[in-house]
Amino acid sequence: LVRSVRLQGSDRVVQTPSAVELTDATSGEFVRRWPTPANNARLVDLQDGVAVLVDGTDIHVLRLSDGRDGVVHAPGRGPVLAQLEPAGLFFSYAVEDSAYPGRVVFVPRDDRPVH
């Protein structure tokens, strides 16, 4: 069962219920597999060998070369959206503020838990 797929260059990342799998999209050759960092995490982005998965208000940044996982916690409530760009990680979340209920945060590449 495939939950999500992301493609960048020759990296094809497939999320199954229990794993994150990397294959070479050019050859179709299997490269690596790691356990999903959290049971309800969903794969939302892929950039430069790093996958981003969101589980509630936790954003998992998973380095595909070695499986190292770092977590950024959104301080508000969901839904949490996350996007990885060469400059860093952008994410948004909701707060209890009727005038301005949403927040957007930028975490520079060098400040991410994994880069």
PDB file of N, CA and C in Angstrom:
ATOM      1  N   LEU A   1       0.849  -1.181   0.000  1.00  0.00           N
ATOM      2  CA  LEU A   1       0.000   0.000   0.000  1.00  0.00           C
ATOM      3  C   LEU A   1       0.892   1.241   0.000  1.00  0.00           C
ATOM      4  N   VAL A   2       0.695   2.124  -0.948  1.00  0.00           N
ATOM      5  CA  VAL A   2       1.460   3.365  -1.058  1.00  0.00           C
ATOM      6  C   VAL A   2       0.631   4.501  -0.481  1.00  0.00           C
ATOM      7  N   ARG A   3       1.227   5.242   0.451  1.00  0.00           N
ATOM      8  CA  ARG A   3       0.545   6.402   1.036  1.00  0.00           C
ATOM      9  C   ARG A   3       0.839   7.680   0.270  1.00  0.00           C
ATOM     10  N   SER A   4       2.114   7.818  -0.175  1.00  0.00           N
ATOM     11  CA  SER A   4       2.512   9.039  -0.855  1.00  0.00           C
ATOM     12  C   SER A   4       3.784   8.772  -1.640  1.00  0.00           C
ATOM     13  N   VAL A   5       3.984   9.565  -2.691  1.00  0.00           N
ATOM     14  CA  VAL A   5       5.197   9.471  -3.505  1.00  0.00           C
ATOM     15  C   VAL A   5       5.664  10.883  -3.815  1.00  0.00           C
ATOM     16  N   ARG A   6       6.961  11.087  -3.755  1.00  0.00           N
ATOM     17  CA  ARG A   6       7.569  12.354  -4.156  1.00  0.00           C
ATOM     18  C   ARG A   6       8.755  12.033  -5.052  1.00  0.00           C
ATOM     19  N   LEU A   7       8.993  12.918  -6.014  1.00  0.00           N
ATOM     20  CA  LEU A   7      10.065  12.726  -6.982  1.00  0.00           C
ATOM     21  C   LEU A   7      10.854  14.012  -7.117  1.00  0.00           C
ATOM     22  N   GLN A   8      12.190  13.891  -7.071  1.00  0.00           N
ATOM     23  CA  GLN A   8      13.067  15.016  -7.366  1.00  0.00           C
ATOM     24  C   GLN A   8      14.318  14.456  -8.001  1.00  0.00           C
ATOM     25  N   GLY A   9      14.615  14.905  -9.211  1.00  0.00           N
ATOM     26  CA  GLY A   9      15.764  14.370  -9.926  1.00  0.00           C
ATOM     27  C   GLY A   9      15.621  12.871 -10.062  1.00  0.00           C
ATOM     28  N   SER A  10      16.639  12.136  -9.641  1.00  0.00           N
ATOM     29  CA  SER A  10      16.552  10.678  -9.720  1.00  0.00           C
ATOM     30  C   SER A  10      16.061  10.048  -8.422  1.00  0.00           C
ATOM     31  N   ASP A  11      15.744  10.867  -7.412  1.00  0.00           N
ATOM     32  CA  ASP A  11      15.221  10.338  -6.149  1.00  0.00           C
ATOM     33  C   ASP A  11      13.706  10.171  -6.233  1.00  0.00           C
ATOM     34  N   ARG A  12      13.260   8.938  -6.017  1.00  0.00           N
ATOM     35  CA  ARG A  12      11.824   8.670  -5.893  1.00  0.00           C
ATOM     36  C   ARG A  12      11.615   8.139  -4.482  1.00  0.00           C
ATOM     37  N   VAL A  13      10.837   8.855  -3.696  1.00  0.00           N
ATOM     38  CA  VAL A  13      10.575   8.473  -2.318  1.00  0.00           C
ATOM     39  C   VAL A  13       9.122   8.020  -2.226  1.00  0.00           C
ATOM     40  N   VAL A  14       8.940   6.816  -1.698  1.00  0.00           N
ATOM     41  CA  VAL A  14       7.623   6.228  -1.539  1.00  0.00           C
ATOM     42  C   VAL A  14       7.385   6.004  -0.057  1.00  0.00           C
ATOM     43  N   GLN A  15       6.235   6.471   0.431  1.00  0.00           N
ATOM     44  CA  GLN A  15       5.859   6.214   1.816  1.00  0.00           C
ATOM     45  C   GLN A  15       4.826   5.098   1.833  1.00  0.00           C
ATOM     46  N   THR A  16       5.113   4.072   2.598  1.00  0.00           N
ATOM     47  CA  THR A  16       4.172   2.982   2.840  1.00  0.00           C
ATOM     48  C   THR A  16       3.668   3.150   4.280  1.00  0.00           C
ATOM     49  N   PRO A  17       2.753   2.325   4.749  1.00  0.00           N
ATOM     50  CA  PRO A  17       2.283   2.483   6.135  1.00  0.00           C
ATOM     51  C   PRO A  17       3.383   2.381   7.192  1.00  0.00           C
ATOM     52  N   SER A  18       4.480   1.679   6.895  1.00  0.00           N
ATOM     53  CA  SER A  18       5.503   1.485   7.923  1.00  0.00           C
ATOM     54  C   SER A  18       6.901   1.948   7.541  1.00  0.00           C
ATOM     55  N   ALA A  19       7.091   2.447   6.308  1.00  0.00           N
ATOM     56  CA  ALA A  19       8.443   2.777   5.870  1.00  0.00           C
ATOM     57  C   ALA A  19       8.469   3.944   4.884  1.00  0.00           C
ATOM     58  N   VAL A  20       9.658   4.518   4.777  1.00  0.00           N
ATOM     59  CA  VAL A  20       9.972   5.496   3.741  1.00  0.00           C
ATOM     60  C   VAL A  20      11.046   4.830   2.890  1.00  0.00           C
ATOM     61  N   GLU A  21      10.765   4.678   1.602  1.00  0.00           N
ATOM     62  CA  GLU A  21      11.667   3.947   0.716  1.00  0.00           C
ATOM     63  C   GLU A  21      12.198   4.856  -0.378  1.00  0.00           C
ATOM     64  N   LEU A  22      13.489   4.725  -0.647  1.00  0.00           N
ATOM     65  CA  LEU A  22      14.148   5.493  -1.693  1.00  0.00           C
ATOM     66  C   LEU A  22      14.529   4.568  -2.828  1.00  0.00           C
ATOM     67  N   THR A  23      14.138   4.931  -4.037  1.00  0.00           N
ATOM     68  CA  THR A  23      14.560   4.193  -5.225  1.00  0.00           C
ATOM     69  C   THR A  23      15.127   5.182  -6.227  1.00  0.00           C
ATOM     70  N   ASP A  24      15.949   4.678  -7.129  1.00  0.00           N
ATOM     71  CA  ASP A  24      16.487   5.484  -8.214  1.00  0.00           C
ATOM     72  C   ASP A  24      15.429   5.522  -9.306  1.00  0.00           C
ATOM     73  N   ALA A  25      14.884   6.697  -9.578  1.00  0.00           N
ATOM     74  CA  ALA A  25      13.801   6.818 -10.555  1.00  0.00           C
ATOM     75  C   ALA A  25      14.279   6.524 -11.971  1.00  0.00           C
ATOM     76  N   THR A  26      15.563   6.698 -12.242  1.00  0.00           N
ATOM     77  CA  THR A  26      16.085   6.444 -13.579  1.00  0.00           C
ATOM     78  C   THR A  26      16.183   4.954 -13.858  1.00  0.00           C
ATOM     79  N   SER A  27      16.747   4.203 -12.920  1.00  0.00           N
ATOM     80  CA  SER A  27      16.951   2.764 -13.124  1.00  0.00           C
ATOM     81  C   SER A  27      15.857   1.905 -12.496  1.00  0.00           C
ATOM     82  N   GLY A  28      15.110   2.472 -11.551  1.00  0.00           N
ATOM     83  CA  GLY A  28      14.114   1.694 -10.820  1.00  0.00           C
ATOM     84  C   GLY A  28      14.716   0.868  -9.700  1.00  0.00           C
ATOM     85  N   GLU A  29      16.012   1.022  -9.474  1.00  0.00           N
ATOM     86  CA  GLU A  29      16.722   0.228  -8.473  1.00  0.00           C
ATOM     87  C   GLU A  29      16.427   0.726  -7.055  1.00  0.00           C
ATOM     88  N   PHE A  30      16.111  -0.229  -6.159  1.00  0.00           N
ATOM     89  CA  PHE A  30      15.891   0.068  -4.744  1.00  0.00           C
ATOM     90  C   PHE A  30      17.204   0.539  -4.124  1.00  0.00           C
ATOM     91  N   VAL A  31      17.143   1.608  -3.305  1.00  0.00           N
ATOM     92  CA  VAL A  31      18.348   2.160  -2.672  1.00  0.00           C
ATOM     93  C   VAL A  31      18.343   1.913  -1.164  1.00  0.00           C
ATOM     94  N   ARG A  32      17.321   2.394  -0.453  1.00  0.00           N
ATOM     95  CA  ARG A  32      17.276   2.280   1.013  1.00  0.00           C
ATOM     96  C   ARG A  32      15.840   2.301   1.510  1.00  0.00           C
ATOM     97  N   ARG A  33      15.688   1.878   2.769  1.00  0.00           N
ATOM     98  CA  ARG A  33      14.386   1.924   3.439  1.00  0.00           C
ATOM     99  C   ARG A  33      14.627   2.286   4.905  1.00  0.00           C
ATOM    100  N   TRP A  34      13.768   3.166   5.446  1.00  0.00           N
ATOM    101  CA  TRP A  34      13.798   3.502   6.868  1.00  0.00           C
ATOM    102  C   TRP A  34      12.394   3.381   7.420  1.00  0.00           C
ATOM    103  N   PRO A  35      12.269   3.083   8.708  1.00  0.00           N
ATOM    104  CA  PRO A  35      10.934   3.073   9.320  1.00  0.00           C
ATOM    105  C   PRO A  35      10.331   4.474   9.252  1.00  0.00           C
ATOM    106  N   THR A  36       9.027   4.552   9.084  1.00  0.00           N
ATOM    107  CA  THR A  36       8.351   5.852   9.115  1.00  0.00           C
ATOM    108  C   THR A  36       8.616   6.469  10.485  1.00  0.00           C
ATOM    109  N   PRO A  37       9.024   7.747  10.540  1.00  0.00           N
ATOM    110  CA  PRO A  37       9.411   8.338  11.830  1.00  0.00           C
ATOM    111  C   PRO A  37       8.281   8.450  12.855  1.00  0.00           C
ATOM    112  N   ALA A  38       7.034   8.421  12.406  1.00  0.00           N
ATOM    113  CA  ALA A  38       5.887   8.466  13.326  1.00  0.00           C
ATOM    114  C   ALA A  38       4.726   7.735  12.647  1.00  0.00           C
ATOM    115  N   ASN A  39       3.896   7.063  13.429  1.00  0.00           N
ATOM    116  CA  ASN A  39       2.821   6.229  12.869  1.00  0.00           C
ATOM    117  C   ASN A  39       1.896   6.960  11.913  1.00  0.00           C
ATOM    118  N   ASN A  40       1.538   8.195  12.222  1.00  0.00           N
ATOM    119  CA  ASN A  40       0.588   8.935  11.395  1.00  0.00           C
ATOM    120  C   ASN A  40       1.240   9.977  10.499  1.00  0.00           C
ATOM    121  N   ALA A  41       2.555   9.917  10.373  1.00  0.00           N
ATOM    122  CA  ALA A  41       3.260  10.894   9.540  1.00  0.00           C
ATOM    123  C   ALA A  41       2.871  10.731   8.080  1.00  0.00           C
ATOM    124  N   ARG A  42       2.836  11.860   7.370  1.00  0.00           N
ATOM    125  CA  ARG A  42       2.568  11.822   5.935  1.00  0.00           C
ATOM    126  C   ARG A  42       3.675  12.574   5.200  1.00  0.00           C
ATOM    127  N   LEU A  43       4.147  11.971   4.135  1.00  0.00           N
ATOM    128  CA  LEU A  43       5.204  12.553   3.308  1.00  0.00           C
ATOM    129  C   LEU A  43       4.636  13.741   2.549  1.00  0.00           C
ATOM    130  N   VAL A  44       5.259  14.924   2.738  1.00  0.00           N
ATOM    131  CA  VAL A  44       4.715  16.127   2.105  1.00  0.00           C
ATOM    132  C   VAL A  44       5.687  16.809   1.155  1.00  0.00           C
ATOM    133  N   ASP A  45       6.990  16.516   1.273  1.00  0.00           N
ATOM    134  CA  ASP A  45       7.933  17.194   0.386  1.00  0.00           C
ATOM    135  C   ASP A  45       9.248  16.443   0.321  1.00  0.00           C
ATOM    136  N   LEU A  46      10.027  16.797  -0.686  1.00  0.00           N
ATOM    137  CA  LEU A  46      11.341  16.213  -0.931  1.00  0.00           C
ATOM    138  C   LEU A  46      12.203  17.283  -1.567  1.00  0.00           C
ATOM    139  N   GLN A  47      13.410  17.476  -1.048  1.00  0.00           N
ATOM    140  CA  GLN A  47      14.303  18.507  -1.583  1.00  0.00           C
ATOM    141  C   GLN A  47      15.734  18.125  -1.269  1.00  0.00           C
ATOM    142  N   ASP A  48      16.558  18.017  -2.285  1.00  0.00           N
ATOM    143  CA  ASP A  48      18.004  17.811  -2.107  1.00  0.00           C
ATOM    144  C   ASP A  48      18.345  16.672  -1.143  1.00  0.00           C
ATOM    145  N   GLY A  49      17.691  15.529  -1.309  1.00  0.00           N
ATOM    146  CA  GLY A  49      18.015  14.374  -0.485  1.00  0.00           C
ATOM    147  C   GLY A  49      17.436  14.399   0.908  1.00  0.00           C
ATOM    148  N   VAL A  50      16.460  15.272   1.143  1.00  0.00           N
ATOM    149  CA  VAL A  50      15.811  15.370   2.444  1.00  0.00           C
ATOM    150  C   VAL A  50      14.304  15.265   2.235  1.00  0.00           C
ATOM    151  N   ALA A  51      13.660  14.363   2.978  1.00  0.00           N
ATOM    152  CA  ALA A  51      12.208  14.206   2.922  1.00  0.00           C
ATOM    153  C   ALA A  51      11.592  14.890   4.135  1.00  0.00           C
ATOM    154  N   VAL A  52      10.393  15.436   3.938  1.00  0.00           N
ATOM    155  CA  VAL A  52       9.664  16.088   5.024  1.00  0.00           C
ATOM    156  C   VAL A  52       8.351  15.339   5.231  1.00  0.00           C
ATOM    157  N   LEU A  53       8.121  14.945   6.483  1.00  0.00           N
ATOM    158  CA  LEU A  53       6.883  14.255   6.852  1.00  0.00           C
ATOM    159  C   LEU A  53       6.241  15.031   7.992  1.00  0.00           C
ATOM    160  N   VAL A  54       4.921  15.133   7.968  1.00  0.00           N
ATOM    161  CA  VAL A  54       4.193  15.851   9.012  1.00  0.00           C
ATOM    162  C   VAL A  54       3.330  14.872   9.786  1.00  0.00           C
ATOM    163  N   ASP A  55       3.411  14.959  11.110  1.00  0.00           N
ATOM    164  CA  ASP A  55       2.589  14.143  12.006  1.00  0.00           C
ATOM    165  C   ASP A  55       1.999  15.081  13.051  1.00  0.00           C
ATOM    166  N   GLY A  56       0.750  15.469  12.873  1.00  0.00           N
ATOM    167  CA  GLY A  56       0.136  16.422  13.796  1.00  0.00           C
ATOM    168  C   GLY A  56       0.847  17.762  13.714  1.00  0.00           C
ATOM    169  N   THR A  57       1.448  18.178  14.817  1.00  0.00           N
ATOM    170  CA  THR A  57       2.202  19.437  14.821  1.00  0.00           C
ATOM    171  C   THR A  57       3.713  19.201  14.787  1.00  0.00           C
ATOM    172  N   ASP A  58       4.127  17.969  14.559  1.00  0.00           N
ATOM    173  CA  ASP A  58       5.551  17.651  14.426  1.00  0.00           C
ATOM    174  C   ASP A  58       5.926  17.523  12.959  1.00  0.00           C
ATOM    175  N   ILE A  59       7.020  18.170  12.598  1.00  0.00           N
ATOM    176  CA  ILE A  59       7.533  18.113  11.236  1.00  0.00           C
ATOM    177  C   ILE A  59       8.839  17.338  11.291  1.00  0.00           C
ATOM    178  N   HIS A  60       8.859  16.179  10.634  1.00  0.00           N
ATOM    179  CA  HIS A  60      10.053  15.333  10.599  1.00  0.00           C
ATOM    180  C   HIS A  60      10.857  15.658   9.352  1.00  0.00           C
ATOM    181  N   VAL A  61      12.137  15.920   9.551  1.00  0.00           N
ATOM    182  CA  VAL A  61      13.065  16.201   8.456  1.00  0.00           C
ATOM    183  C   VAL A  61      14.000  14.999   8.398  1.00  0.00           C
ATOM    184  N   LEU A  62      13.848  14.173   7.364  1.00  0.00           N
ATOM    185  CA  LEU A  62      14.537  12.892   7.257  1.00  0.00           C
ATOM    186  C   LEU A  62      15.597  12.947   6.153  1.00  0.00           C
ATOM    187  N   ARG A  63      16.860  12.814   6.541  1.00  0.00           N
ATOM    188  CA  ARG A  63      17.948  12.807   5.551  1.00  0.00           C
ATOM    189  C   ARG A  63      18.014  11.428   4.909  1.00  0.00           C
ATOM    190  N   LEU A  64      17.906  11.382   3.596  1.00  0.00           N
ATOM    191  CA  LEU A  64      17.818  10.118   2.879  1.00  0.00           C
ATOM    192  C   LEU A  64      19.143   9.374   2.783  1.00  0.00           C
ATOM    193  N   SER A  65      20.258  10.048   2.944  1.00  0.00           N
ATOM    194  CA  SER A  65      21.553   9.373   2.835  1.00  0.00           C
ATOM    195  C   SER A  65      21.830   8.450   4.018  1.00  0.00           C
ATOM    196  N   ASP A  66      21.324   8.810   5.204  1.00  0.00           N
ATOM    197  CA  ASP A  66      21.636   7.995   6.386  1.00  0.00           C
ATOM    198  C   ASP A  66      20.436   7.746   7.305  1.00  0.00           C
ATOM    199  N   GLY A  67      19.263   8.281   6.968  1.00  0.00           N
ATOM    200  CA  GLY A  67      18.076   8.050   7.781  1.00  0.00           C
ATOM    201  C   GLY A  67      17.977   8.903   9.025  1.00  0.00           C
ATOM    202  N   ARG A  68      18.881   9.864   9.191  1.00  0.00           N
ATOM    203  CA  ARG A  68      18.817  10.729  10.375  1.00  0.00           C
ATOM    204  C   ARG A  68      17.541  11.563  10.321  1.00  0.00           C
ATOM    205  N   ASP A  69      16.821  11.583  11.436  1.00  0.00           N
ATOM    206  CA  ASP A  69      15.538  12.272  11.533  1.00  0.00           C
ATOM    207  C   ASP A  69      15.629  13.366  12.585  1.00  0.00           C
ATOM    208  N   GLY A  70      15.274  14.574  12.194  1.00  0.00           N
ATOM    209  CA  GLY A  70      15.179  15.682  13.139  1.00  0.00           C
ATOM    210  C   GLY A  70      13.743  16.169  13.151  1.00  0.00           C
ATOM    211  N   VAL A  71      13.313  16.732  14.266  1.00  0.00           N
ATOM    212  CA  VAL A  71      11.919  17.153  14.407  1.00  0.00           C
ATOM    213  C   VAL A  71      11.843  18.638  14.736  1.00  0.00           C
ATOM    214  N   VAL A  72      10.940  19.321  14.044  1.00  0.00           N
ATOM    215  CA  VAL A  72      10.584  20.699  14.352  1.00  0.00           C
ATOM    216  C   VAL A  72       9.136  20.643  14.835  1.00  0.00           C
ATOM    217  N   HIS A  73       8.862  21.233  15.981  1.00  0.00           N
ATOM    218  CA  HIS A  73       7.511  21.214  16.531  1.00  0.00           C
ATOM    219  C   HIS A  73       6.845  22.565  16.276  1.00  0.00           C
ATOM    220  N   ALA A  74       5.714  22.550  15.580  1.00  0.00           N
ATOM    221  CA  ALA A  74       4.940  23.775  15.390  1.00  0.00           C
ATOM    222  C   ALA A  74       4.261  24.108  16.721  1.00  0.00           C
ATOM    223  N   PRO A  75       4.421  25.331  17.229  1.00  0.00           N
ATOM    224  CA  PRO A  75       3.922  25.650  18.568  1.00  0.00           C
ATOM    225  C   PRO A  75       2.417  25.821  18.687  1.00  0.00           C
ATOM    226  N   GLY A  76       1.701  25.876  17.571  1.00  0.00           N
ATOM    227  CA  GLY A  76       0.245  26.052  17.631  1.00  0.00           C
ATOM    228  C   GLY A  76      -0.475  24.739  17.438  1.00  0.00           C
ATOM    229  N   ARG A  77      -1.545  24.784  16.658  1.00  0.00           N
ATOM    230  CA  ARG A  77      -2.315  23.581  16.362  1.00  0.00           C
ATOM    231  C   ARG A  77      -2.385  23.407  14.852  1.00  0.00           C
ATOM    232  N   GLY A  78      -2.900  22.295  14.455  1.00  0.00           N
ATOM    233  CA  GLY A  78      -2.996  21.987  13.029  1.00  0.00           C
ATOM    234  C   GLY A  78      -4.168  22.674  12.376  1.00  0.00           C
ATOM    235  N   PRO A  79      -4.256  22.556  11.093  1.00  0.00           N
ATOM    236  CA  PRO A  79      -3.367  21.735  10.281  1.00  0.00           C
ATOM    237  C   PRO A  79      -2.010  22.402  10.089  1.00  0.00           C
ATOM    238  N   VAL A  80      -0.971  21.564  10.037  1.00  0.00           N
ATOM    239  CA  VAL A  80       0.386  22.038   9.784  1.00  0.00           C
ATOM    240  C   VAL A  80       0.726  21.707   8.338  1.00  0.00           C
ATOM    241  N   LEU A  81       1.218  22.691   7.626  1.00  0.00           N
ATOM    242  CA  LEU A  81       1.685  22.517   6.260  1.00  0.00           C
ATOM    243  C   LEU A  81       3.180  22.803   6.253  1.00  0.00           C
ATOM    244  N   ALA A  82       3.941  22.061   5.447  1.00  0.00           N
ATOM    245  CA  ALA A  82       5.389  22.252   5.416  1.00  0.00           C
ATOM    246  C   ALA A  82       5.897  22.166   3.981  1.00  0.00           C
ATOM    247  N   GLN A  83       6.890  22.997   3.674  1.00  0.00           N
ATOM    248  CA  GLN A  83       7.488  23.025   2.347  1.00  0.00           C
ATOM    249  C   GLN A  83       8.987  23.251   2.518  1.00  0.00           C
ATOM    250  N   LEU A  84       9.783  22.383   1.905  1.00  0.00           N
ATOM    251  CA  LEU A  84      11.231  22.494   1.979  1.00  0.00           C
ATOM    252  C   LEU A  84      11.741  23.130   0.690  1.00  0.00           C
ATOM    253  N   GLU A  85      12.565  24.136   0.827  1.00  0.00           N
ATOM    254  CA  GLU A  85      13.186  24.835  -0.300  1.00  0.00           C
ATOM    255  C   GLU A  85      14.693  24.849  -0.077  1.00  0.00           C
ATOM    256  N   PRO A  86      15.478  25.134  -1.110  1.00  0.00           N
ATOM    257  CA  PRO A  86      16.937  25.155  -0.913  1.00  0.00           C
ATOM    258  C   PRO A  86      17.380  26.073   0.237  1.00  0.00           C
ATOM    259  N   ALA A  87      16.679  27.158   0.452  1.00  0.00           N
ATOM    260  CA  ALA A  87      17.055  28.099   1.512  1.00  0.00           C
ATOM    261  C   ALA A  87      16.678  27.614   2.902  1.00  0.00           C
ATOM    262  N   GLY A  88      15.678  26.735   3.003  1.00  0.00           N
ATOM    263  CA  GLY A  88      15.252  26.266   4.323  1.00  0.00           C
ATOM    264  C   GLY A  88      13.845  25.704   4.315  1.00  0.00           C
ATOM    265  N   LEU A  89      13.291  25.573   5.501  1.00  0.00           N
ATOM    266  CA  LEU A  89      11.973  24.976   5.713  1.00  0.00           C
ATOM    267  C   LEU A  89      10.959  26.062   6.035  1.00  0.00           C
ATOM    268  N   PHE A  90       9.847  26.059   5.315  1.00  0.00           N
ATOM    269  CA  PHE A  90       8.715  26.916   5.620  1.00  0.00           C
ATOM    270  C   PHE A  90       7.623  26.035   6.195  1.00  0.00           C
ATOM    271  N   PHE A  91       6.951  26.498   7.250  1.00  0.00           N
ATOM    272  CA  PHE A  91       5.793  25.763   7.722  1.00  0.00           C
ATOM    273  C   PHE A  91       4.757  26.729   8.283  1.00  0.00           C
ATOM    274  N   SER A  92       3.516  26.262   8.286  1.00  0.00           N
ATOM    275  CA  SER A  92       2.431  27.087   8.808  1.00  0.00           C
ATOM    276  C   SER A  92       1.610  26.271   9.794  1.00  0.00           C
ATOM    277  N   TYR A  93       0.934  26.995  10.686  1.00  0.00           N
ATOM    278  CA  TYR A  93       0.100  26.363  11.693  1.00  0.00           C
ATOM    279  C   TYR A  93      -0.947  27.383  12.149  1.00  0.00           C
ATOM    280  N   ALA A  94      -1.915  26.946  12.917  1.00  0.00           N
ATOM    281  CA  ALA A  94      -2.982  27.815  13.405  1.00  0.00           C
ATOM    282  C   ALA A  94      -2.783  28.114  14.886  1.00  0.00           C
ATOM    283  N   VAL A  95      -3.321  29.267  15.307  1.00  0.00           N
ATOM    284  CA  VAL A  95      -3.287  29.676  16.714  1.00  0.00           C
ATOM    285  C   VAL A  95      -4.652  30.230  17.098  1.00  0.00           C
ATOM    286  N   GLU A  96      -4.878  30.380  18.393  1.00  0.00           N
ATOM    287  CA  GLU A  96      -6.133  30.961  18.899  1.00  0.00           C
ATOM    288  C   GLU A  96      -6.022  32.487  18.846  1.00  0.00           C
ATOM    289  N   ASP A  97      -6.283  33.053  17.695  1.00  0.00           N
ATOM    290  CA  ASP A  97      -6.229  34.499  17.505  1.00  0.00           C
ATOM    291  C   ASP A  97      -7.227  34.820  16.394  1.00  0.00           C
ATOM    292  N   SER A  98      -8.369  35.379  16.756  1.00  0.00           N
ATOM    293  CA  SER A  98      -9.426  35.595  15.762  1.00  0.00           C
ATOM    294  C   SER A  98      -9.014  36.603  14.680  1.00  0.00           C
ATOM    295  N   ALA A  99      -8.142  37.533  15.003  1.00  0.00           N
ATOM    296  CA  ALA A  99      -7.705  38.519  14.012  1.00  0.00           C
ATOM    297  C   ALA A  99      -6.663  37.938  13.056  1.00  0.00           C
ATOM    298  N   TYR A 100      -5.739  37.152  13.578  1.00  0.00           N
ATOM    299  CA  TYR A 100      -4.664  36.566  12.777  1.00  0.00           C
ATOM    300  C   TYR A 100      -4.478  35.102  13.185  1.00  0.00           C
ATOM    301  N   PRO A 101      -5.331  34.194  12.701  1.00  0.00           N
ATOM    302  CA  PRO A 101      -5.321  32.807  13.173  1.00  0.00           C
ATOM    303  C   PRO A 101      -4.207  31.931  12.607  1.00  0.00           C
ATOM    304  N   GLY A 102      -3.481  32.397  11.622  1.00  0.00           N
ATOM    305  CA  GLY A 102      -2.438  31.572  11.017  1.00  0.00           C
ATOM    306  C   GLY A 102      -1.061  32.168  11.199  1.00  0.00           C
ATOM    307  N   ARG A 103      -0.070  31.303  11.248  1.00  0.00           N
ATOM    308  CA  ARG A 103       1.326  31.727  11.359  1.00  0.00           C
ATOM    309  C   ARG A 103       2.155  30.983  10.324  1.00  0.00           C
ATOM    310  N   VAL A 104       3.166  31.658   9.795  1.00  0.00           N
ATOM    311  CA  VAL A 104       4.115  31.044   8.879  1.00  0.00           C
ATOM    312  C   VAL A 104       5.503  31.255   9.460  1.00  0.00           C
ATOM    313  N   VAL A 105       6.302  30.185   9.462  1.00  0.00           N
ATOM    314  CA  VAL A 105       7.646  30.222  10.034  1.00  0.00           C
ATOM    315  C   VAL A 105       8.641  29.795   8.970  1.00  0.00           C
ATOM    316  N   PHE A 106       9.796  30.445   8.969  1.00  0.00           N
ATOM    317  CA  PHE A 106      10.902  30.047   8.096  1.00  0.00           C
ATOM    318  C   PHE A 106      12.066  29.618   8.970  1.00  0.00           C
ATOM    319  N   VAL A 107      12.582  28.408   8.718  1.00  0.00           N
ATOM    320  CA  VAL A 107      13.760  27.890   9.414  1.00  0.00           C
ATOM    321  C   VAL A 107      14.871  27.786   8.378  1.00  0.00           C
ATOM    322  N   PRO A 108      15.905  28.641   8.454  1.00  0.00           N
ATOM    323  CA  PRO A 108      16.986  28.594   7.470  1.00  0.00           C
ATOM    324  C   PRO A 108      17.640  27.210   7.415  1.00  0.00           C
ATOM    325  N   ARG A 109      18.169  26.873   6.267  1.00  0.00           N
ATOM    326  CA  ARG A 109      18.777  25.558   6.039  1.00  0.00           C
ATOM    327  C   ARG A 109      19.756  25.185   7.150  1.00  0.00           C
ATOM    328  N   ASP A 110      20.630  26.102   7.531  1.00  0.00           N
ATOM    329  CA  ASP A 110      21.649  25.799   8.544  1.00  0.00           C
ATOM    330  C   ASP A 110      21.061  25.639   9.946  1.00  0.00           C
ATOM    331  N   ASP A 111      19.825  26.089  10.161  1.00  0.00           N
ATOM    332  CA  ASP A 111      19.183  25.964  11.470  1.00  0.00           C
ATOM    333  C   ASP A 111      18.238  24.778  11.565  1.00  0.00           C
ATOM    334  N   ARG A 112      18.014  24.082  10.440  1.00  0.00           N
ATOM    335  CA  ARG A 112      17.157  22.896  10.461  1.00  0.00           C
ATOM    336  C   ARG A 112      17.817  21.823  11.306  1.00  0.00           C
ATOM    337  N   PRO A 113      17.021  20.916  11.872  1.00  0.00           N
ATOM    338  CA  PRO A 113      17.624  19.845  12.673  1.00  0.00           C
ATOM    339  C   PRO A 113      18.458  18.877  11.816  1.00  0.00           C
ATOM    340  N   VAL A 114      18.160  18.782  10.527  1.00  0.00           N
ATOM    341  CA  VAL A 114      18.915  17.947   9.596  1.00  0.00           C
ATOM    342  C   VAL A 114      19.055  18.727   8.304  1.00  0.00           C
ATOM    343  N   HIS A 115      20.280  18.787   7.739  1.00  0.00           N
ATOM    344  CA  HIS A 115      20.466  19.453   6.442  1.00  0.00           C
ATOM    345  C   HIS A 115      21.465  18.719   5.611  1.00  0.00           C
TER     346      HIS A 115
END
